[in-house]
Amino acid sequence: MDEQKLKKRIHAFYFAGVLNLFLGLYVLLYGGEVDPGTRKIMLFFFFGFAILDFWFPTHLKKKFIEQQMLLQSQMAKPAPVDPESPKS
């Protein structure tokens, strides 16, 4: 995954998190006419996904950094010499 795709994906998660927060707050403030059980489920759903939407980009950043470090370490290693290959 390249850095531009990662940034777009992270921004999409942040947008979804803000949207879930607003929807959860709307249900919390104006959802009084809904059955209390349904209201709790909706609040859990919206706030739970908001938490995931804000946590997941940090996880993606860590994985991306780990992959970049692994790639750099593999690039820094010298290529193994095959003893059976014909010498010039």
PDB file of N, CA and C in Angstrom:
ATOM      1  N   MET A   1       0.851  -1.166   0.000  1.00  0.00           N
ATOM      2  CA  MET A   1       0.000   0.000   0.000  1.00  0.00           C
ATOM      3  C   MET A   1       0.902   1.237   0.000  1.00  0.00           C
ATOM      4  N   ASP A   2       0.591   2.163  -0.865  1.00  0.00           N
ATOM      5  CA  ASP A   2       1.405   3.370  -0.896  1.00  0.00           C
ATOM      6  C   ASP A   2       0.840   4.416   0.067  1.00  0.00           C
ATOM      7  N   GLU A   3       1.596   5.452   0.263  1.00  0.00           N
ATOM      8  CA  GLU A   3       1.268   6.446   1.283  1.00  0.00           C
ATOM      9  C   GLU A   3       0.009   7.242   0.936  1.00  0.00           C
ATOM     10  N   GLN A   4      -0.228   7.517  -0.327  1.00  0.00           N
ATOM     11  CA  GLN A   4      -1.419   8.279  -0.717  1.00  0.00           C
ATOM     12  C   GLN A   4      -2.703   7.500  -0.454  1.00  0.00           C
ATOM     13  N   LYS A   5      -2.696   6.209  -0.775  1.00  0.00           N
ATOM     14  CA  LYS A   5      -3.868   5.375  -0.498  1.00  0.00           C
ATOM     15  C   LYS A   5      -4.122   5.285   1.003  1.00  0.00           C
ATOM     16  N   LEU A   6      -3.038   5.189   1.772  1.00  0.00           N
ATOM     17  CA  LEU A   6      -3.172   5.122   3.223  1.00  0.00           C
ATOM     18  C   LEU A   6      -3.799   6.402   3.761  1.00  0.00           C
ATOM     19  N   LYS A   7      -3.368   7.545   3.278  1.00  0.00           N
ATOM     20  CA  LYS A   7      -3.926   8.827   3.734  1.00  0.00           C
ATOM     21  C   LYS A   7      -5.409   8.929   3.390  1.00  0.00           C
ATOM     22  N   LYS A   8      -5.788   8.510   2.188  1.00  0.00           N
ATOM     23  CA  LYS A   8      -7.200   8.549   1.797  1.00  0.00           C
ATOM     24  C   LYS A   8      -8.035   7.642   2.692  1.00  0.00           C
ATOM     25  N   ARG A   9      -7.508   6.463   2.984  1.00  0.00           N
ATOM     26  CA  ARG A   9      -8.232   5.518   3.831  1.00  0.00           C
ATOM     27  C   ARG A   9      -8.377   6.061   5.257  1.00  0.00           C
ATOM     28  N   ILE A  10      -7.327   6.676   5.763  1.00  0.00           N
ATOM     29  CA  ILE A  10      -7.364   7.254   7.113  1.00  0.00           C
ATOM     30  C   ILE A  10      -8.377   8.391   7.172  1.00  0.00           C
ATOM     31  N   HIS A  11      -8.386   9.243   6.155  1.00  0.00           N
ATOM     32  CA  HIS A  11      -9.354  10.344   6.127  1.00  0.00           C
ATOM     33  C   HIS A  11     -10.786   9.811   6.050  1.00  0.00           C
ATOM     34  N   ALA A  12     -10.993   8.731   5.323  1.00  0.00           N
ATOM     35  CA  ALA A  12     -12.323   8.133   5.244  1.00  0.00           C
ATOM     36  C   ALA A  12     -12.761   7.605   6.611  1.00  0.00           C
ATOM     37  N   PHE A  13     -11.848   6.996   7.346  1.00  0.00           N
ATOM     38  CA  PHE A  13     -12.192   6.516   8.688  1.00  0.00           C
ATOM     39  C   PHE A  13     -12.517   7.672   9.628  1.00  0.00           C
ATOM     40  N   TYR A  14     -11.744   8.752   9.558  1.00  0.00           N
ATOM     41  CA  TYR A  14     -12.037   9.915  10.405  1.00  0.00           C
ATOM     42  C   TYR A  14     -13.385  10.538  10.053  1.00  0.00           C
ATOM     43  N   PHE A  15     -13.693  10.619   8.763  1.00  0.00           N
ATOM     44  CA  PHE A  15     -14.997  11.143   8.342  1.00  0.00           C
ATOM     45  C   PHE A  15     -16.124  10.274   8.880  1.00  0.00           C
ATOM     46  N   ALA A  16     -15.979   8.959   8.757  1.00  0.00           N
ATOM     47  CA  ALA A  16     -17.003   8.039   9.260  1.00  0.00           C
ATOM     48  C   ALA A  16     -17.127   8.148  10.779  1.00  0.00           C
ATOM     49  N   GLY A  17     -16.005   8.359  11.474  1.00  0.00           N
ATOM     50  CA  GLY A  17     -16.055   8.510  12.922  1.00  0.00           C
ATOM     51  C   GLY A  17     -16.807   9.753  13.350  1.00  0.00           C
ATOM     52  N   VAL A  18     -16.565  10.855  12.660  1.00  0.00           N
ATOM     53  CA  VAL A  18     -17.276  12.099  12.980  1.00  0.00           C
ATOM     54  C   VAL A  18     -18.759  11.937  12.682  1.00  0.00           C
ATOM     55  N   LEU A  19     -19.080  11.297  11.569  1.00  0.00           N
ATOM     56  CA  LEU A  19     -20.480  11.064  11.219  1.00  0.00           C
ATOM     57  C   LEU A  19     -21.163  10.196  12.277  1.00  0.00           C
ATOM     58  N   ASN A  20     -20.508   9.138  12.713  1.00  0.00           N
ATOM     59  CA  ASN A  20     -21.081   8.287  13.761  1.00  0.00           C
ATOM     60  C   ASN A  20     -21.249   9.042  15.071  1.00  0.00           C
ATOM     61  N   LEU A  21     -20.296   9.912  15.402  1.00  0.00           N
ATOM     62  CA  LEU A  21     -20.444  10.720  16.616  1.00  0.00           C
ATOM     63  C   LEU A  21     -21.665  11.625  16.541  1.00  0.00           C
ATOM     64  N   PHE A  22     -21.837  12.300  15.413  1.00  0.00           N
ATOM     65  CA  PHE A  22     -22.993  13.184  15.260  1.00  0.00           C
ATOM     66  C   PHE A  22     -24.302  12.401  15.313  1.00  0.00           C
ATOM     67  N   LEU A  23     -24.345  11.247  14.663  1.00  0.00           N
ATOM     68  CA  LEU A  23     -25.564  10.444  14.702  1.00  0.00           C
ATOM     69  C   LEU A  23     -25.843   9.928  16.110  1.00  0.00           C
ATOM     70  N   GLY A  24     -24.796   9.531  16.812  1.00  0.00           N
ATOM     71  CA  GLY A  24     -24.979   9.087  18.194  1.00  0.00           C
ATOM     72  C   GLY A  24     -25.458  10.207  19.098  1.00  0.00           C
ATOM     73  N   LEU A  25     -24.902  11.391  18.914  1.00  0.00           N
ATOM     74  CA  LEU A  25     -25.364  12.544  19.706  1.00  0.00           C
ATOM     75  C   LEU A  25     -26.802  12.910  19.363  1.00  0.00           C
ATOM     76  N   TYR A  26     -27.170  12.809  18.111  1.00  0.00           N
ATOM     77  CA  TYR A  26     -28.551  13.086  17.708  1.00  0.00           C
ATOM     78  C   TYR A  26     -29.514  12.118  18.395  1.00  0.00           C
ATOM     79  N   VAL A  27     -29.168  10.837  18.387  1.00  0.00           N
ATOM     80  CA  VAL A  27     -30.021   9.845  19.052  1.00  0.00           C
ATOM     81  C   VAL A  27     -30.055  10.117  20.555  1.00  0.00           C
ATOM     82  N   LEU A  28     -28.923  10.493  21.121  1.00  0.00           N
ATOM     83  CA  LEU A  28     -28.859  10.769  22.561  1.00  0.00           C
ATOM     84  C   LEU A  28     -29.722  11.968  22.941  1.00  0.00           C
ATOM     85  N   LEU A  29     -29.672  13.022  22.139  1.00  0.00           N
ATOM     86  CA  LEU A  29     -30.386  14.248  22.480  1.00  0.00           C
ATOM     87  C   LEU A  29     -31.841  14.263  22.019  1.00  0.00           C
ATOM     88  N   TYR A  30     -32.125  13.729  20.842  1.00  0.00           N
ATOM     89  CA  TYR A  30     -33.463  13.847  20.260  1.00  0.00           C
ATOM     90  C   TYR A  30     -34.155  12.507  20.050  1.00  0.00           C
ATOM     91  N   GLY A  31     -33.609  11.440  20.550  1.00  0.00           N
ATOM     92  CA  GLY A  31     -34.203  10.121  20.331  1.00  0.00           C
ATOM     93  C   GLY A  31     -35.077   9.666  21.479  1.00  0.00           C
ATOM     94  N   GLY A  32     -35.690  10.580  22.189  1.00  0.00           N
ATOM     95  CA  GLY A  32     -36.498  10.248  23.354  1.00  0.00           C
ATOM     96  C   GLY A  32     -37.769   9.496  23.031  1.00  0.00           C
ATOM     97  N   GLU A  33     -38.279   9.638  21.808  1.00  0.00           N
ATOM     98  CA  GLU A  33     -39.535   8.988  21.443  1.00  0.00           C
ATOM     99  C   GLU A  33     -39.342   7.531  21.055  1.00  0.00           C
ATOM    100  N   VAL A  34     -38.092   7.102  20.909  1.00  0.00           N
ATOM    101  CA  VAL A  34     -37.789   5.717  20.526  1.00  0.00           C
ATOM    102  C   VAL A  34     -37.836   4.846  21.778  1.00  0.00           C
ATOM    103  N   ASP A  35     -38.189   3.581  21.590  1.00  0.00           N
ATOM    104  CA  ASP A  35     -38.202   2.621  22.685  1.00  0.00           C
ATOM    105  C   ASP A  35     -36.826   2.618  23.377  1.00  0.00           C
ATOM    106  N   PRO A  36     -36.763   2.617  24.715  1.00  0.00           N
ATOM    107  CA  PRO A  36     -35.477   2.688  25.412  1.00  0.00           C
ATOM    108  C   PRO A  36     -34.492   1.589  25.034  1.00  0.00           C
ATOM    109  N   GLY A  37     -34.963   0.385  24.783  1.00  0.00           N
ATOM    110  CA  GLY A  37     -34.068  -0.700  24.377  1.00  0.00           C
ATOM    111  C   GLY A  37     -33.450  -0.431  23.012  1.00  0.00           C
ATOM    112  N   THR A  38     -34.276   0.032  22.098  1.00  0.00           N
ATOM    113  CA  THR A  38     -33.797   0.363  20.758  1.00  0.00           C
ATOM    114  C   THR A  38     -32.831   1.534  20.812  1.00  0.00           C
ATOM    115  N   ARG A  39     -33.138   2.491  21.660  1.00  0.00           N
ATOM    116  CA  ARG A  39     -32.274   3.669  21.801  1.00  0.00           C
ATOM    117  C   ARG A  39     -30.891   3.271  22.311  1.00  0.00           C
ATOM    118  N   LYS A  40     -30.841   2.372  23.284  1.00  0.00           N
ATOM    119  CA  LYS A  40     -29.549   1.916  23.806  1.00  0.00           C
ATOM    120  C   LYS A  40     -28.747   1.181  22.740  1.00  0.00           C
ATOM    121  N   ILE A  41     -29.434   0.364  21.951  1.00  0.00           N
ATOM    122  CA  ILE A  41     -28.747  -0.358  20.883  1.00  0.00           C
ATOM    123  C   ILE A  41     -28.184   0.617  19.855  1.00  0.00           C
ATOM    124  N   MET A  42     -28.976   1.621  19.497  1.00  0.00           N
ATOM    125  CA  MET A  42     -28.517   2.625  18.529  1.00  0.00           C
ATOM    126  C   MET A  42     -27.328   3.413  19.078  1.00  0.00           C
ATOM    127  N   LEU A  43     -27.389   3.783  20.348  1.00  0.00           N
ATOM    128  CA  LEU A  43     -26.276   4.520  20.955  1.00  0.00           C
ATOM    129  C   LEU A  43     -25.018   3.663  20.983  1.00  0.00           C
ATOM    130  N   PHE A  44     -25.170   2.409  21.370  1.00  0.00           N
ATOM    131  CA  PHE A  44     -24.025   1.495  21.380  1.00  0.00           C
ATOM    132  C   PHE A  44     -23.444   1.341  19.984  1.00  0.00           C
ATOM    133  N   PHE A  45     -24.315   1.197  18.991  1.00  0.00           N
ATOM    134  CA  PHE A  45     -23.880   1.036  17.612  1.00  0.00           C
ATOM    135  C   PHE A  45     -23.101   2.263  17.133  1.00  0.00           C
ATOM    136  N   PHE A  46     -23.685   3.453  17.257  1.00  0.00           N
ATOM    137  CA  PHE A  46     -23.040   4.654  16.734  1.00  0.00           C
ATOM    138  C   PHE A  46     -21.759   5.003  17.485  1.00  0.00           C
ATOM    139  N   PHE A  47     -21.800   4.968  18.814  1.00  0.00           N
ATOM    140  CA  PHE A  47     -20.600   5.326  19.570  1.00  0.00           C
ATOM    141  C   PHE A  47     -19.533   4.231  19.469  1.00  0.00           C
ATOM    142  N   GLY A  48     -19.956   2.977  19.382  1.00  0.00           N
ATOM    143  CA  GLY A  48     -18.994   1.893  19.212  1.00  0.00           C
ATOM    144  C   GLY A  48     -18.244   2.002  17.893  1.00  0.00           C
ATOM    145  N   PHE A  49     -18.973   2.271  16.823  1.00  0.00           N
ATOM    146  CA  PHE A  49     -18.308   2.423  15.540  1.00  0.00           C
ATOM    147  C   PHE A  49     -17.496   3.710  15.465  1.00  0.00           C
ATOM    148  N   ALA A  50     -17.907   4.742  16.181  1.00  0.00           N
ATOM    149  CA  ALA A  50     -17.099   5.963  16.221  1.00  0.00           C
ATOM    150  C   ALA A  50     -15.750   5.673  16.879  1.00  0.00           C
ATOM    151  N   ILE A  51     -15.776   4.905  17.959  1.00  0.00           N
ATOM    152  CA  ILE A  51     -14.526   4.535  18.628  1.00  0.00           C
ATOM    153  C   ILE A  51     -13.639   3.734  17.677  1.00  0.00           C
ATOM    154  N   LEU A  52     -14.221   2.767  16.985  1.00  0.00           N
ATOM    155  CA  LEU A  52     -13.444   1.965  16.029  1.00  0.00           C
ATOM    156  C   LEU A  52     -12.904   2.817  14.882  1.00  0.00           C
ATOM    157  N   ASP A  53     -13.720   3.764  14.421  1.00  0.00           N
ATOM    158  CA  ASP A  53     -13.285   4.620  13.316  1.00  0.00           C
ATOM    159  C   ASP A  53     -12.132   5.529  13.710  1.00  0.00           C
ATOM    160  N   PHE A  54     -12.014   5.869  14.974  1.00  0.00           N
ATOM    161  CA  PHE A  54     -10.879   6.683  15.411  1.00  0.00           C
ATOM    162  C   PHE A  54      -9.682   5.827  15.837  1.00  0.00           C
ATOM    163  N   TRP A  55      -9.923   4.584  16.227  1.00  0.00           N
ATOM    164  CA  TRP A  55      -8.819   3.697  16.623  1.00  0.00           C
ATOM    165  C   TRP A  55      -8.127   3.085  15.414  1.00  0.00           C
ATOM    166  N   PHE A  56      -8.907   2.699  14.409  1.00  0.00           N
ATOM    167  CA  PHE A  56      -8.363   1.954  13.290  1.00  0.00           C
ATOM    168  C   PHE A  56      -7.283   2.706  12.506  1.00  0.00           C
ATOM    169  N   PRO A  57      -7.382   4.029  12.290  1.00  0.00           N
ATOM    170  CA  PRO A  57      -6.281   4.721  11.595  1.00  0.00           C
ATOM    171  C   PRO A  57      -4.944   4.625  12.321  1.00  0.00           C
ATOM    172  N   THR A  58      -4.952   4.640  13.645  1.00  0.00           N
ATOM    173  CA  THR A  58      -3.687   4.484  14.371  1.00  0.00           C
ATOM    174  C   THR A  58      -3.106   3.094  14.130  1.00  0.00           C
ATOM    175  N   HIS A  59      -3.984   2.096  14.056  1.00  0.00           N
ATOM    176  CA  HIS A  59      -3.543   0.729  13.758  1.00  0.00           C
ATOM    177  C   HIS A  59      -2.968   0.652  12.339  1.00  0.00           C
ATOM    178  N   LEU A  60      -3.638   1.307  11.400  1.00  0.00           N
ATOM    179  CA  LEU A  60      -3.142   1.312  10.017  1.00  0.00           C
ATOM    180  C   LEU A  60      -1.779   1.991   9.915  1.00  0.00           C
ATOM    181  N   LYS A  61      -1.610   3.090  10.647  1.00  0.00           N
ATOM    182  CA  LYS A  61      -0.324   3.797  10.617  1.00  0.00           C
ATOM    183  C   LYS A  61       0.792   2.914  11.163  1.00  0.00           C
ATOM    184  N   LYS A  62       0.526   2.214  12.258  1.00  0.00           N
ATOM    185  CA  LYS A  62       1.530   1.322  12.840  1.00  0.00           C
ATOM    186  C   LYS A  62       1.903   0.204  11.872  1.00  0.00           C
ATOM    187  N   LYS A  63       0.906  -0.403  11.240  1.00  0.00           N
ATOM    188  CA  LYS A  63       1.176  -1.481  10.280  1.00  0.00           C
ATOM    189  C   LYS A  63       1.978  -0.954   9.090  1.00  0.00           C
ATOM    190  N   PHE A  64       1.651   0.246   8.617  1.00  0.00           N
ATOM    191  CA  PHE A  64       2.368   0.826   7.489  1.00  0.00           C
ATOM    192  C   PHE A  64       3.828   1.087   7.851  1.00  0.00           C
ATOM    193  N   ILE A  65       4.069   1.616   9.037  1.00  0.00           N
ATOM    194  CA  ILE A  65       5.439   1.878   9.481  1.00  0.00           C
ATOM    195  C   ILE A  65       6.207   0.565   9.619  1.00  0.00           C
ATOM    196  N   GLU A  66       5.573  -0.467  10.171  1.00  0.00           N
ATOM    197  CA  GLU A  66       6.224  -1.774  10.291  1.00  0.00           C
ATOM    198  C   GLU A  66       6.582  -2.336   8.919  1.00  0.00           C
ATOM    199  N   GLN A  67       5.678  -2.210   7.958  1.00  0.00           N
ATOM    200  CA  GLN A  67       5.955  -2.704   6.613  1.00  0.00           C
ATOM    201  C   GLN A  67       7.099  -1.930   5.960  1.00  0.00           C
ATOM    202  N   GLN A  68       7.143  -0.625   6.183  1.00  0.00           N
ATOM    203  CA  GLN A  68       8.219   0.182   5.610  1.00  0.00           C
ATOM    204  C   GLN A  68       9.569  -0.187   6.227  1.00  0.00           C
ATOM    205  N   MET A  69       9.588  -0.418   7.533  1.00  0.00           N
ATOM    206  CA  MET A  69      10.827  -0.816   8.210  1.00  0.00           C
ATOM    207  C   MET A  69      11.299  -2.181   7.698  1.00  0.00           C
ATOM    208  N   LEU A  70      10.369  -3.117   7.536  1.00  0.00           N
ATOM    209  CA  LEU A  70      10.708  -4.444   7.026  1.00  0.00           C
ATOM    210  C   LEU A  70      11.242  -4.345   5.600  1.00  0.00           C
ATOM    211  N   LEU A  71      10.604  -3.539   4.788  1.00  0.00           N
ATOM    212  CA  LEU A  71      11.053  -3.366   3.409  1.00  0.00           C
ATOM    213  C   LEU A  71      12.442  -2.740   3.356  1.00  0.00           C
ATOM    214  N   GLN A  72      12.694  -1.750   4.211  1.00  0.00           N
ATOM    215  CA  GLN A  72      14.011  -1.115   4.247  1.00  0.00           C
ATOM    216  C   GLN A  72      15.080  -2.082   4.727  1.00  0.00           C
ATOM    217  N   SER A  73      14.748  -2.909   5.706  1.00  0.00           N
ATOM    218  CA  SER A  73      15.735  -3.872   6.200  1.00  0.00           C
ATOM    219  C   SER A  73      16.032  -4.939   5.144  1.00  0.00           C
ATOM    220  N   GLN A  74      15.034  -5.332   4.374  1.00  0.00           N
ATOM    221  CA  GLN A  74      15.259  -6.303   3.308  1.00  0.00           C
ATOM    222  C   GLN A  74      16.080  -5.700   2.174  1.00  0.00           C
ATOM    223  N   MET A  75      15.883  -4.412   1.916  1.00  0.00           N
ATOM    224  CA  MET A  75      16.641  -3.745   0.859  1.00  0.00           C
ATOM    225  C   MET A  75      18.101  -3.554   1.278  1.00  0.00           C
ATOM    226  N   ALA A  76      18.342  -3.423   2.581  1.00  0.00           N
ATOM    227  CA  ALA A  76      19.695  -3.178   3.074  1.00  0.00           C
ATOM    228  C   ALA A  76      20.531  -4.457   3.106  1.00  0.00           C
ATOM    229  N   LYS A  77      19.895  -5.615   3.175  1.00  0.00           N
ATOM    230  CA  LYS A  77      20.624  -6.878   3.217  1.00  0.00           C
ATOM    231  C   LYS A  77      21.276  -7.145   1.861  1.00  0.00           C
ATOM    232  N   PRO A  78      22.503  -7.658   1.872  1.00  0.00           N
ATOM    233  CA  PRO A  78      23.100  -8.041   0.590  1.00  0.00           C
ATOM    234  C   PRO A  78      22.422  -9.300   0.059  1.00  0.00           C
ATOM    235  N   ALA A  79      22.397  -9.435  -1.240  1.00  0.00           N
ATOM    236  CA  ALA A  79      21.772 -10.597  -1.854  1.00  0.00           C
ATOM    237  C   ALA A  79      22.607 -11.839  -1.549  1.00  0.00           C
ATOM    238  N   PRO A  80      21.975 -12.959  -1.189  1.00  0.00           N
ATOM    239  CA  PRO A  80      22.738 -14.179  -0.909  1.00  0.00           C
ATOM    240  C   PRO A  80      23.394 -14.705  -2.186  1.00  0.00           C
ATOM    241  N   VAL A  81      24.586 -15.215  -2.014  1.00  0.00           N
ATOM    242  CA  VAL A  81      25.339 -15.754  -3.145  1.00  0.00           C
ATOM    243  C   VAL A  81      25.037 -17.236  -3.261  1.00  0.00           C
ATOM    244  N   ASP A  82      24.681 -17.680  -4.450  1.00  0.00           N
ATOM    245  CA  ASP A  82      24.385 -19.084  -4.707  1.00  0.00           C
ATOM    246  C   ASP A  82      25.697 -19.789  -5.034  1.00  0.00           C
ATOM    247  N   PRO A  83      26.139 -20.745  -4.198  1.00  0.00           N
ATOM    248  CA  PRO A  83      27.439 -21.397  -4.439  1.00  0.00           C
ATOM    249  C   PRO A  83      27.453 -22.253  -5.699  1.00  0.00           C
ATOM    250  N   GLU A  84      26.316 -22.679  -6.200  1.00  0.00           N
ATOM    251  CA  GLU A  84      26.262 -23.530  -7.374  1.00  0.00           C
ATOM    252  C   GLU A  84      26.189 -22.741  -8.680  1.00  0.00           C
ATOM    253  N   SER A  85      26.044 -21.445  -8.595  1.00  0.00           N
ATOM    254  CA  SER A  85      25.957 -20.655  -9.821  1.00  0.00           C
ATOM    255  C   SER A  85      27.320 -20.582 -10.481  1.00  0.00           C
ATOM    256  N   PRO A  86      27.350 -20.601 -11.813  1.00  0.00           N
ATOM    257  CA  PRO A  86      28.641 -20.540 -12.520  1.00  0.00           C
ATOM    258  C   PRO A  86      29.318 -19.193 -12.309  1.00  0.00           C
ATOM    259  N   LYS A  87      30.615 -19.241 -12.074  1.00  0.00           N
ATOM    260  CA  LYS A  87      31.383 -18.010 -11.868  1.00  0.00           C
ATOM    261  C   LYS A  87      31.860 -17.485 -13.215  1.00  0.00           C
ATOM    262  N   SER A  88      31.908 -16.183 -13.333  1.00  0.00           N
ATOM    263  CA  SER A  88      32.357 -15.574 -14.580  1.00  0.00           C
ATOM    264  C   SER A  88      33.853 -15.452 -14.626  1.00  0.00           C
TER     265      SER A  88
END
